[in-house]
Amino acid sequence: MLINIGRSKNLTLISGPCAIESEKLSMSIAEHICEITKDLPISYVFKASFDKANRSSIDSERGIGIEKGLKILRKIRETFDIPVITDVHEDSPIDEVADVVDIIQTPAFLCRQTNFIVKVASAMKPVNIKKGQFLSPREMVNVVKKAKSTGNNEIFVCERGASFGYNNLVSDMRSLII
């Protein structure tokens, strides 16, 4: 099943800063990518995170926080008339996030957490589930079934590659057909 996101063109670019650092920077990035994509036969979805809760170091920057982050995402959505996507790392803010964004994304490390996946999909927004580096593409079928058990059929999967040894992530694009 195809999910129409963006302006329903053949290819959709999901792009933006990894984490929201400021309103000014996020608006500038959205404006720049809108300018680049406006004459291309593609759709554009702005992606940024208000909290990157899965950073490897306690000292790493995580983002601007949910209150400011959702305000910025809403402003980008309204100013540029583009869909926005952000990720959630726990189930408590899902309803609040769903009120602002067009697509909810799940982190790769949480893709096998049944209660989390079900809660995200229950928001009845399109869901982008990032494939865990520890799963084969075929194992993602079960993850998608968990999400679809809620009645939400707007589920898509993001290929994140597979770990080969330590710190060696390899993406095998042959998995896209699975």
N, C-alpha and C. Protein backbone atom coordinates (compact mmCIF):
# COMPACT_ATOMS: atom_id res chain seq x y z
N MET A 1 0.84 -1.19 0.00
CA MET A 1 0.00 0.00 0.00
C MET A 1 0.88 1.24 0.00
N LEU A 2 0.55 2.19 -0.84
CA LEU A 2 1.28 3.44 -0.88
C LEU A 2 0.62 4.45 0.04
N ILE A 3 1.43 5.22 0.73
CA ILE A 3 0.94 6.29 1.59
C ILE A 3 1.24 7.60 0.91
N ASN A 4 0.24 8.42 0.73
CA ASN A 4 0.46 9.73 0.14
C ASN A 4 0.93 10.68 1.22
N ILE A 5 2.16 11.10 1.11
CA ILE A 5 2.68 12.11 2.03
C ILE A 5 3.20 13.27 1.19
N GLY A 6 3.32 14.39 1.80
CA GLY A 6 3.77 15.55 1.04
C GLY A 6 2.71 15.95 0.03
N ARG A 7 3.11 16.22 -1.17
CA ARG A 7 2.20 16.66 -2.22
C ARG A 7 1.84 15.51 -3.16
N SER A 8 1.96 14.29 -2.70
CA SER A 8 1.57 13.09 -3.44
C SER A 8 2.28 12.93 -4.78
N LYS A 9 3.52 13.32 -4.85
CA LYS A 9 4.31 13.11 -6.07
C LYS A 9 5.07 11.80 -5.92
N ASN A 10 5.87 11.46 -6.91
CA ASN A 10 6.53 10.16 -6.92
C ASN A 10 7.54 9.96 -5.81
N LEU A 11 8.33 10.97 -5.52
CA LEU A 11 9.38 10.85 -4.52
C LEU A 11 9.16 11.89 -3.44
N THR A 12 9.39 11.50 -2.21
CA THR A 12 9.27 12.44 -1.10
C THR A 12 10.62 12.56 -0.42
N LEU A 13 11.08 13.78 -0.27
CA LEU A 13 12.31 14.07 0.45
C LEU A 13 11.95 14.42 1.88
N ILE A 14 12.47 13.66 2.83
CA ILE A 14 12.31 13.96 4.25
C ILE A 14 13.66 14.49 4.70
N SER A 15 13.70 15.78 5.05
CA SER A 15 14.99 16.41 5.31
C SER A 15 14.84 17.57 6.28
N GLY A 16 15.91 17.81 7.02
CA GLY A 16 15.96 18.91 7.96
C GLY A 16 17.10 18.66 8.93
N PRO A 17 17.22 19.49 9.94
CA PRO A 17 18.30 19.28 10.91
C PRO A 17 17.99 18.07 11.79
N CYS A 18 19.00 17.39 12.24
CA CYS A 18 18.79 16.24 13.12
C CYS A 18 17.99 16.67 14.34
N ALA A 19 18.46 17.70 15.00
CA ALA A 19 17.78 18.21 16.20
C ALA A 19 17.52 19.70 16.02
N ILE A 20 16.39 20.16 16.54
CA ILE A 20 16.07 21.58 16.48
C ILE A 20 17.00 22.31 17.44
N GLU A 21 17.77 23.23 16.91
CA GLU A 21 18.68 24.03 17.73
C GLU A 21 18.10 25.40 18.03
N SER A 22 17.39 25.97 17.05
CA SER A 22 16.77 27.28 17.23
C SER A 22 15.68 27.46 16.19
N GLU A 23 14.76 28.37 16.46
CA GLU A 23 13.71 28.68 15.49
C GLU A 23 14.32 29.27 14.22
N LYS A 24 15.25 30.19 14.39
CA LYS A 24 15.85 30.87 13.24
C LYS A 24 16.52 29.87 12.29
N LEU A 25 17.33 28.97 12.83
CA LEU A 25 18.02 27.98 12.00
C LEU A 25 17.02 27.04 11.33
N SER A 26 16.03 26.57 12.07
CA SER A 26 15.05 25.64 11.51
C SER A 26 14.24 26.30 10.40
N MET A 27 13.83 27.54 10.60
CA MET A 27 13.08 28.27 9.57
C MET A 27 13.94 28.47 8.32
N SER A 28 15.20 28.79 8.53
CA SER A 28 16.12 29.00 7.41
C SER A 28 16.31 27.72 6.60
N ILE A 29 16.47 26.61 7.29
CA ILE A 29 16.64 25.32 6.60
C ILE A 29 15.38 24.97 5.82
N ALA A 30 14.22 25.11 6.45
CA ALA A 30 12.96 24.80 5.77
C ALA A 30 12.78 25.67 4.53
N GLU A 31 13.05 26.95 4.68
CA GLU A 31 12.92 27.88 3.55
C GLU A 31 13.86 27.48 2.41
N HIS A 32 15.10 27.16 2.75
CA HIS A 32 16.10 26.80 1.74
C HIS A 32 15.71 25.53 1.00
N ILE A 33 15.27 24.52 1.72
CA ILE A 33 14.91 23.26 1.06
C ILE A 33 13.61 23.43 0.26
N CYS A 34 12.68 24.23 0.76
CA CYS A 34 11.47 24.53 -0.02
C CYS A 34 11.84 25.19 -1.35
N GLU A 35 12.77 26.10 -1.29
CA GLU A 35 13.22 26.80 -2.51
C GLU A 35 13.85 25.81 -3.50
N ILE A 36 14.65 24.90 -2.99
CA ILE A 36 15.31 23.91 -3.85
C ILE A 36 14.29 22.96 -4.48
N THR A 37 13.30 22.53 -3.71
CA THR A 37 12.38 21.49 -4.18
C THR A 37 11.15 22.01 -4.92
N LYS A 38 10.90 23.32 -4.88
CA LYS A 38 9.64 23.83 -5.43
C LYS A 38 9.44 23.52 -6.91
N ASP A 39 10.50 23.48 -7.68
CA ASP A 39 10.38 23.21 -9.11
C ASP A 39 10.76 21.78 -9.49
N LEU A 40 10.98 20.95 -8.50
CA LEU A 40 11.33 19.55 -8.75
C LEU A 40 10.07 18.69 -8.62
N PRO A 41 10.03 17.55 -9.30
CA PRO A 41 8.86 16.67 -9.21
C PRO A 41 8.89 15.80 -7.96
N ILE A 42 9.13 16.42 -6.82
CA ILE A 42 9.18 15.69 -5.55
C ILE A 42 8.41 16.47 -4.49
N SER A 43 8.04 15.75 -3.45
CA SER A 43 7.42 16.36 -2.28
C SER A 43 8.50 16.57 -1.23
N TYR A 44 8.24 17.48 -0.33
CA TYR A 44 9.18 17.76 0.75
C TYR A 44 8.47 17.72 2.09
N VAL A 45 9.04 16.97 3.02
CA VAL A 45 8.56 16.92 4.40
C VAL A 45 9.71 17.38 5.29
N PHE A 46 9.46 18.39 6.12
CA PHE A 46 10.48 18.89 7.03
C PHE A 46 10.59 17.94 8.22
N LYS A 47 11.81 17.53 8.53
CA LYS A 47 12.06 16.61 9.65
C LYS A 47 13.06 17.23 10.62
N ALA A 48 12.69 17.26 11.88
CA ALA A 48 13.61 17.68 12.94
C ALA A 48 13.09 17.13 14.26
N SER A 49 14.00 16.93 15.19
CA SER A 49 13.65 16.37 16.50
C SER A 49 13.74 17.43 17.58
N PHE A 50 12.77 17.42 18.47
CA PHE A 50 12.82 18.34 19.61
C PHE A 50 13.64 17.75 20.75
N ASP A 51 13.80 16.40 20.75
CA ASP A 51 14.59 15.74 21.79
C ASP A 51 15.18 14.46 21.23
N LYS A 52 16.50 14.39 21.13
CA LYS A 52 17.18 13.18 20.71
C LYS A 52 17.59 12.42 21.97
N ALA A 53 16.66 11.65 22.49
CA ALA A 53 16.86 10.97 23.77
C ALA A 53 17.82 9.79 23.68
N ASN A 54 18.23 9.42 22.49
CA ASN A 54 19.09 8.24 22.35
C ASN A 54 20.54 8.59 22.04
N ARG A 55 21.00 9.73 22.48
CA ARG A 55 22.40 10.11 22.28
C ARG A 55 23.31 9.17 23.06
N SER A 56 24.51 8.95 22.54
CA SER A 56 25.43 8.02 23.19
C SER A 56 26.09 8.61 24.43
N SER A 57 26.19 9.93 24.51
CA SER A 57 26.84 10.56 25.66
C SER A 57 25.86 11.44 26.42
N ILE A 58 25.97 11.44 27.72
CA ILE A 58 25.14 12.30 28.56
C ILE A 58 25.43 13.77 28.28
N ASP A 59 26.60 14.06 27.75
CA ASP A 59 27.00 15.44 27.47
C ASP A 59 26.56 15.93 26.08
N SER A 60 26.00 15.05 25.26
CA SER A 60 25.59 15.43 23.91
C SER A 60 24.35 16.31 23.93
N GLU A 61 24.28 17.23 22.98
CA GLU A 61 23.09 18.07 22.82
C GLU A 61 21.92 17.19 22.40
N ARG A 62 20.75 17.44 22.98
CA ARG A 62 19.58 16.62 22.69
C ARG A 62 18.50 17.35 21.91
N GLY A 63 18.52 18.64 21.90
CA GLY A 63 17.48 19.39 21.21
C GLY A 63 16.90 20.46 22.11
N ILE A 64 15.91 21.13 21.61
CA ILE A 64 15.37 22.32 22.25
C ILE A 64 14.26 22.01 23.26
N GLY A 65 13.75 20.79 23.27
CA GLY A 65 12.68 20.40 24.17
C GLY A 65 11.32 20.42 23.49
N ILE A 66 10.36 19.74 24.10
CA ILE A 66 9.07 19.53 23.45
C ILE A 66 8.26 20.81 23.27
N GLU A 67 8.20 21.66 24.28
CA GLU A 67 7.37 22.87 24.19
C GLU A 67 7.84 23.79 23.06
N LYS A 68 9.11 24.16 23.09
CA LYS A 68 9.66 25.03 22.04
C LYS A 68 9.69 24.30 20.70
N GLY A 69 10.05 23.02 20.73
CA GLY A 69 10.17 22.26 19.49
C GLY A 69 8.86 22.15 18.73
N LEU A 70 7.78 21.83 19.43
CA LEU A 70 6.49 21.72 18.75
C LEU A 70 6.00 23.07 18.24
N LYS A 71 6.30 24.12 18.97
CA LYS A 71 5.95 25.48 18.52
C LYS A 71 6.66 25.79 17.19
N ILE A 72 7.94 25.44 17.11
CA ILE A 72 8.72 25.68 15.89
C ILE A 72 8.21 24.81 14.74
N LEU A 73 7.93 23.54 15.01
CA LEU A 73 7.41 22.66 13.96
C LEU A 73 6.07 23.16 13.43
N ARG A 74 5.20 23.63 14.33
CA ARG A 74 3.91 24.18 13.90
C ARG A 74 4.12 25.41 13.01
N LYS A 75 5.05 26.28 13.42
CA LYS A 75 5.32 27.49 12.64
C LYS A 75 5.85 27.15 11.25
N ILE A 76 6.72 26.17 11.16
CA ILE A 76 7.26 25.74 9.86
C ILE A 76 6.13 25.19 8.99
N ARG A 77 5.30 24.36 9.58
CA ARG A 77 4.17 23.76 8.86
C ARG A 77 3.25 24.84 8.29
N GLU A 78 2.94 25.82 9.11
CA GLU A 78 2.01 26.87 8.70
C GLU A 78 2.66 27.89 7.76
N THR A 79 3.90 28.26 8.02
CA THR A 79 4.58 29.27 7.21
C THR A 79 4.85 28.79 5.79
N PHE A 80 5.32 27.56 5.67
CA PHE A 80 5.73 27.05 4.36
C PHE A 80 4.71 26.10 3.74
N ASP A 81 3.63 25.83 4.46
CA ASP A 81 2.58 24.93 3.97
C ASP A 81 3.16 23.58 3.55
N ILE A 82 3.99 23.03 4.43
CA ILE A 82 4.60 21.73 4.18
C ILE A 82 4.32 20.81 5.36
N PRO A 83 4.27 19.51 5.12
CA PRO A 83 4.12 18.58 6.22
C PRO A 83 5.40 18.50 7.05
N VAL A 84 5.24 18.15 8.32
CA VAL A 84 6.39 18.00 9.21
C VAL A 84 6.34 16.63 9.88
N ILE A 85 7.54 16.14 10.20
CA ILE A 85 7.70 14.86 10.88
C ILE A 85 8.68 15.06 12.02
N THR A 86 8.41 14.40 13.14
CA THR A 86 9.36 14.38 14.24
C THR A 86 9.28 13.02 14.90
N ASP A 87 10.30 12.71 15.67
CA ASP A 87 10.32 11.42 16.35
C ASP A 87 9.95 11.58 17.82
N VAL A 88 9.43 10.48 18.36
CA VAL A 88 9.13 10.41 19.78
C VAL A 88 9.92 9.25 20.36
N HIS A 89 10.41 9.42 21.56
CA HIS A 89 11.24 8.41 22.20
C HIS A 89 10.58 7.77 23.41
N GLU A 90 9.39 8.23 23.73
CA GLU A 90 8.60 7.65 24.82
C GLU A 90 7.14 7.90 24.50
N ASP A 91 6.26 7.17 25.17
CA ASP A 91 4.86 7.26 24.77
C ASP A 91 4.07 8.40 25.41
N SER A 92 4.60 9.05 26.43
CA SER A 92 3.83 10.09 27.11
C SER A 92 3.47 11.30 26.25
N PRO A 93 4.33 11.78 25.33
CA PRO A 93 3.95 12.98 24.58
C PRO A 93 3.29 12.70 23.22
N ILE A 94 2.91 11.46 22.94
CA ILE A 94 2.45 11.13 21.59
C ILE A 94 1.23 11.94 21.18
N ASP A 95 0.24 12.07 22.05
CA ASP A 95 -0.96 12.82 21.69
C ASP A 95 -0.64 14.29 21.42
N GLU A 96 0.22 14.86 22.24
CA GLU A 96 0.63 16.25 22.07
C GLU A 96 1.37 16.43 20.74
N VAL A 97 2.24 15.51 20.42
CA VAL A 97 2.99 15.56 19.16
C VAL A 97 2.05 15.38 17.97
N ALA A 98 1.11 14.44 18.09
CA ALA A 98 0.17 14.16 16.99
C ALA A 98 -0.70 15.37 16.65
N ASP A 99 -0.93 16.25 17.60
CA ASP A 99 -1.71 17.46 17.34
C ASP A 99 -0.97 18.45 16.44
N VAL A 100 0.35 18.31 16.31
CA VAL A 100 1.16 19.28 15.57
C VAL A 100 1.70 18.71 14.26
N VAL A 101 2.20 17.49 14.29
CA VAL A 101 2.91 16.96 13.12
C VAL A 101 2.00 16.16 12.20
N ASP A 102 2.49 15.93 10.99
CA ASP A 102 1.75 15.14 10.01
C ASP A 102 2.14 13.67 10.06
N ILE A 103 3.37 13.40 10.46
CA ILE A 103 3.91 12.04 10.52
C ILE A 103 4.69 11.91 11.82
N ILE A 104 4.52 10.77 12.49
CA ILE A 104 5.30 10.49 13.70
C ILE A 104 6.34 9.43 13.35
N GLN A 105 7.56 9.65 13.79
CA GLN A 105 8.65 8.72 13.52
C GLN A 105 9.09 8.05 14.81
N THR A 106 9.44 6.78 14.70
CA THR A 106 9.95 6.05 15.86
C THR A 106 11.44 5.80 15.69
N PRO A 107 12.20 5.85 16.76
CA PRO A 107 13.63 5.55 16.68
C PRO A 107 13.88 4.07 16.39
N ALA A 108 14.97 3.79 15.71
CA ALA A 108 15.32 2.42 15.37
C ALA A 108 15.44 1.54 16.61
N PHE A 109 16.02 2.07 17.67
CA PHE A 109 16.24 1.26 18.87
C PHE A 109 14.95 0.86 19.57
N LEU A 110 13.83 1.51 19.24
CA LEU A 110 12.56 1.19 19.90
C LEU A 110 11.60 0.42 19.00
N CYS A 111 12.05 -0.03 17.84
CA CYS A 111 11.14 -0.64 16.88
C CYS A 111 10.54 -1.96 17.35
N ARG A 112 11.12 -2.62 18.31
CA ARG A 112 10.56 -3.89 18.79
C ARG A 112 9.76 -3.75 20.07
N GLN A 113 9.63 -2.54 20.56
CA GLN A 113 8.87 -2.30 21.79
C GLN A 113 7.38 -2.26 21.47
N THR A 114 6.71 -3.37 21.67
CA THR A 114 5.32 -3.53 21.25
C THR A 114 4.41 -2.42 21.77
N ASN A 115 4.41 -2.17 23.07
CA ASN A 115 3.51 -1.16 23.62
C ASN A 115 3.78 0.22 23.02
N PHE A 116 5.04 0.54 22.80
CA PHE A 116 5.41 1.82 22.22
C PHE A 116 4.91 1.94 20.78
N ILE A 117 5.16 0.93 19.96
CA ILE A 117 4.73 0.95 18.56
C ILE A 117 3.21 1.05 18.47
N VAL A 118 2.50 0.30 19.30
CA VAL A 118 1.04 0.34 19.31
C VAL A 118 0.54 1.72 19.72
N LYS A 119 1.15 2.31 20.72
CA LYS A 119 0.74 3.65 21.18
C LYS A 119 0.97 4.69 20.08
N VAL A 120 2.12 4.65 19.43
CA VAL A 120 2.41 5.60 18.35
C VAL A 120 1.38 5.44 17.22
N ALA A 121 1.15 4.22 16.79
CA ALA A 121 0.20 3.98 15.69
C ALA A 121 -1.22 4.34 16.08
N SER A 122 -1.55 4.23 17.35
CA SER A 122 -2.90 4.56 17.84
C SER A 122 -3.23 6.04 17.70
N ALA A 123 -2.24 6.87 17.48
CA ALA A 123 -2.50 8.30 17.26
C ALA A 123 -3.17 8.52 15.90
N MET A 124 -3.20 7.47 15.06
CA MET A 124 -3.85 7.50 13.75
C MET A 124 -3.26 8.55 12.81
N LYS A 125 -1.98 8.77 12.96
CA LYS A 125 -1.20 9.58 12.02
C LYS A 125 -0.32 8.62 11.23
N PRO A 126 0.13 9.00 10.04
CA PRO A 126 1.13 8.17 9.38
C PRO A 126 2.34 8.00 10.29
N VAL A 127 2.91 6.80 10.28
CA VAL A 127 4.04 6.47 11.15
C VAL A 127 5.21 6.00 10.30
N ASN A 128 6.37 6.57 10.55
CA ASN A 128 7.62 6.14 9.92
C ASN A 128 8.40 5.36 10.97
N ILE A 129 8.48 4.06 10.81
CA ILE A 129 9.19 3.22 11.76
C ILE A 129 10.60 2.97 11.22
N LYS A 130 11.59 3.43 11.96
CA LYS A 130 12.97 3.20 11.55
C LYS A 130 13.37 1.77 11.93
N LYS A 131 13.88 1.03 10.95
CA LYS A 131 14.28 -0.36 11.18
C LYS A 131 15.51 -0.40 12.08
N GLY A 132 15.42 -1.18 13.12
CA GLY A 132 16.57 -1.36 14.00
C GLY A 132 17.72 -2.04 13.28
N GLN A 133 18.93 -1.61 13.60
CA GLN A 133 20.12 -2.17 12.96
C GLN A 133 20.32 -3.63 13.32
N PHE A 134 19.57 -4.09 14.30
CA PHE A 134 19.68 -5.46 14.81
C PHE A 134 18.61 -6.37 14.20
N LEU A 135 17.81 -5.87 13.27
CA LEU A 135 16.75 -6.65 12.65
C LEU A 135 17.02 -6.85 11.16
N SER A 136 16.55 -7.97 10.66
CA SER A 136 16.57 -8.16 9.21
C SER A 136 15.33 -7.47 8.64
N PRO A 137 15.34 -7.18 7.35
CA PRO A 137 14.16 -6.57 6.76
C PRO A 137 12.90 -7.42 6.95
N ARG A 138 13.03 -8.73 6.85
CA ARG A 138 11.87 -9.60 7.00
C ARG A 138 11.27 -9.52 8.40
N GLU A 139 12.09 -9.28 9.40
CA GLU A 139 11.57 -9.16 10.77
C GLU A 139 10.71 -7.91 10.95
N MET A 140 10.87 -6.94 10.08
CA MET A 140 10.07 -5.72 10.18
C MET A 140 8.61 -5.97 9.85
N VAL A 141 8.31 -7.07 9.19
CA VAL A 141 6.92 -7.41 8.90
C VAL A 141 6.13 -7.49 10.21
N ASN A 142 6.72 -8.11 11.23
CA ASN A 142 6.04 -8.22 12.53
C ASN A 142 5.86 -6.86 13.19
N VAL A 143 6.82 -5.97 13.03
CA VAL A 143 6.71 -4.63 13.59
C VAL A 143 5.56 -3.88 12.92
N VAL A 144 5.48 -3.98 11.61
CA VAL A 144 4.40 -3.32 10.87
C VAL A 144 3.04 -3.91 11.28
N LYS A 145 2.97 -5.22 11.48
CA LYS A 145 1.72 -5.85 11.93
C LYS A 145 1.29 -5.31 13.28
N LYS A 146 2.25 -5.09 14.18
CA LYS A 146 1.92 -4.50 15.49
C LYS A 146 1.27 -3.14 15.30
N ALA A 147 1.87 -2.32 14.45
CA ALA A 147 1.33 -0.97 14.21
C ALA A 147 -0.05 -1.05 13.56
N LYS A 148 -0.20 -1.91 12.57
CA LYS A 148 -1.47 -2.02 11.86
C LYS A 148 -2.58 -2.64 12.71
N SER A 149 -2.21 -3.32 13.79
CA SER A 149 -3.22 -3.91 14.68
C SER A 149 -4.12 -2.84 15.30
N THR A 150 -3.70 -1.60 15.24
CA THR A 150 -4.48 -0.48 15.79
C THR A 150 -5.53 0.03 14.81
N GLY A 151 -5.50 -0.46 13.57
CA GLY A 151 -6.39 0.05 12.54
C GLY A 151 -5.74 1.14 11.70
N ASN A 152 -4.54 1.53 12.06
CA ASN A 152 -3.80 2.53 11.30
C ASN A 152 -3.05 1.80 10.18
N ASN A 153 -3.40 2.10 8.95
CA ASN A 153 -2.74 1.46 7.81
C ASN A 153 -1.71 2.36 7.15
N GLU A 154 -1.48 3.54 7.71
CA GLU A 154 -0.51 4.47 7.14
C GLU A 154 0.84 4.30 7.84
N ILE A 155 1.44 3.17 7.58
CA ILE A 155 2.70 2.79 8.22
C ILE A 155 3.75 2.61 7.13
N PHE A 156 4.91 3.21 7.31
CA PHE A 156 6.01 2.95 6.40
C PHE A 156 7.28 2.76 7.20
N VAL A 157 8.27 2.16 6.56
CA VAL A 157 9.49 1.73 7.23
C VAL A 157 10.69 2.44 6.61
N CYS A 158 11.61 2.85 7.45
CA CYS A 158 12.84 3.51 7.02
C CYS A 158 14.01 2.53 7.18
N GLU A 159 14.70 2.27 6.11
CA GLU A 159 15.88 1.38 6.15
C GLU A 159 17.01 2.08 6.89
N ARG A 160 17.54 1.43 7.92
CA ARG A 160 18.61 2.00 8.72
C ARG A 160 19.89 1.20 8.63
N GLY A 161 19.87 0.12 7.85
CA GLY A 161 21.07 -0.67 7.71
C GLY A 161 21.16 -1.77 8.75
N ALA A 162 22.32 -2.41 8.78
CA ALA A 162 22.59 -3.49 9.71
C ALA A 162 23.99 -3.30 10.27
N SER A 163 24.18 -3.72 11.50
CA SER A 163 25.49 -3.60 12.14
C SER A 163 26.36 -4.79 11.76
N PHE A 164 27.54 -4.50 11.28
CA PHE A 164 28.55 -5.51 11.01
C PHE A 164 29.75 -5.19 11.88
N GLY A 165 29.82 -5.83 13.03
CA GLY A 165 30.87 -5.49 13.99
C GLY A 165 30.50 -4.23 14.74
N TYR A 166 31.46 -3.65 15.39
CA TYR A 166 31.23 -2.44 16.17
C TYR A 166 31.36 -1.20 15.29
N ASN A 167 30.42 -0.30 15.43
CA ASN A 167 30.46 0.99 14.73
C ASN A 167 30.59 0.87 13.22
N ASN A 168 30.01 -0.17 12.65
CA ASN A 168 30.06 -0.36 11.20
C ASN A 168 28.65 -0.64 10.70
N LEU A 169 27.94 0.41 10.38
CA LEU A 169 26.56 0.32 9.91
C LEU A 169 26.55 0.31 8.38
N VAL A 170 25.95 -0.73 7.81
CA VAL A 170 25.91 -0.89 6.36
C VAL A 170 24.46 -0.95 5.90
N SER A 171 24.10 -0.11 4.94
CA SER A 171 22.75 -0.13 4.37
C SER A 171 22.76 -0.98 3.11
N ASP A 172 21.86 -1.93 3.06
CA ASP A 172 21.71 -2.81 1.90
C ASP A 172 20.37 -2.46 1.25
N MET A 173 20.42 -1.68 0.21
CA MET A 173 19.20 -1.19 -0.42
C MET A 173 18.39 -2.29 -1.11
N ARG A 174 18.95 -3.49 -1.21
CA ARG A 174 18.16 -4.61 -1.74
C ARG A 174 17.00 -4.93 -0.82
N SER A 175 17.09 -4.52 0.44
CA SER A 175 16.03 -4.81 1.40
C SER A 175 14.78 -3.99 1.13
N LEU A 176 14.86 -2.96 0.32
CA LEU A 176 13.69 -2.12 0.06
C LEU A 176 12.54 -2.89 -0.58
N ILE A 177 12.85 -3.92 -1.35
CA ILE A 177 11.77 -4.68 -2.00
C ILE A 177 11.06 -5.61 -1.03
N ILE A 178 11.66 -5.89 0.11
CA ILE A 178 11.05 -6.78 1.09
C ILE A 178 9.96 -6.02 1.81
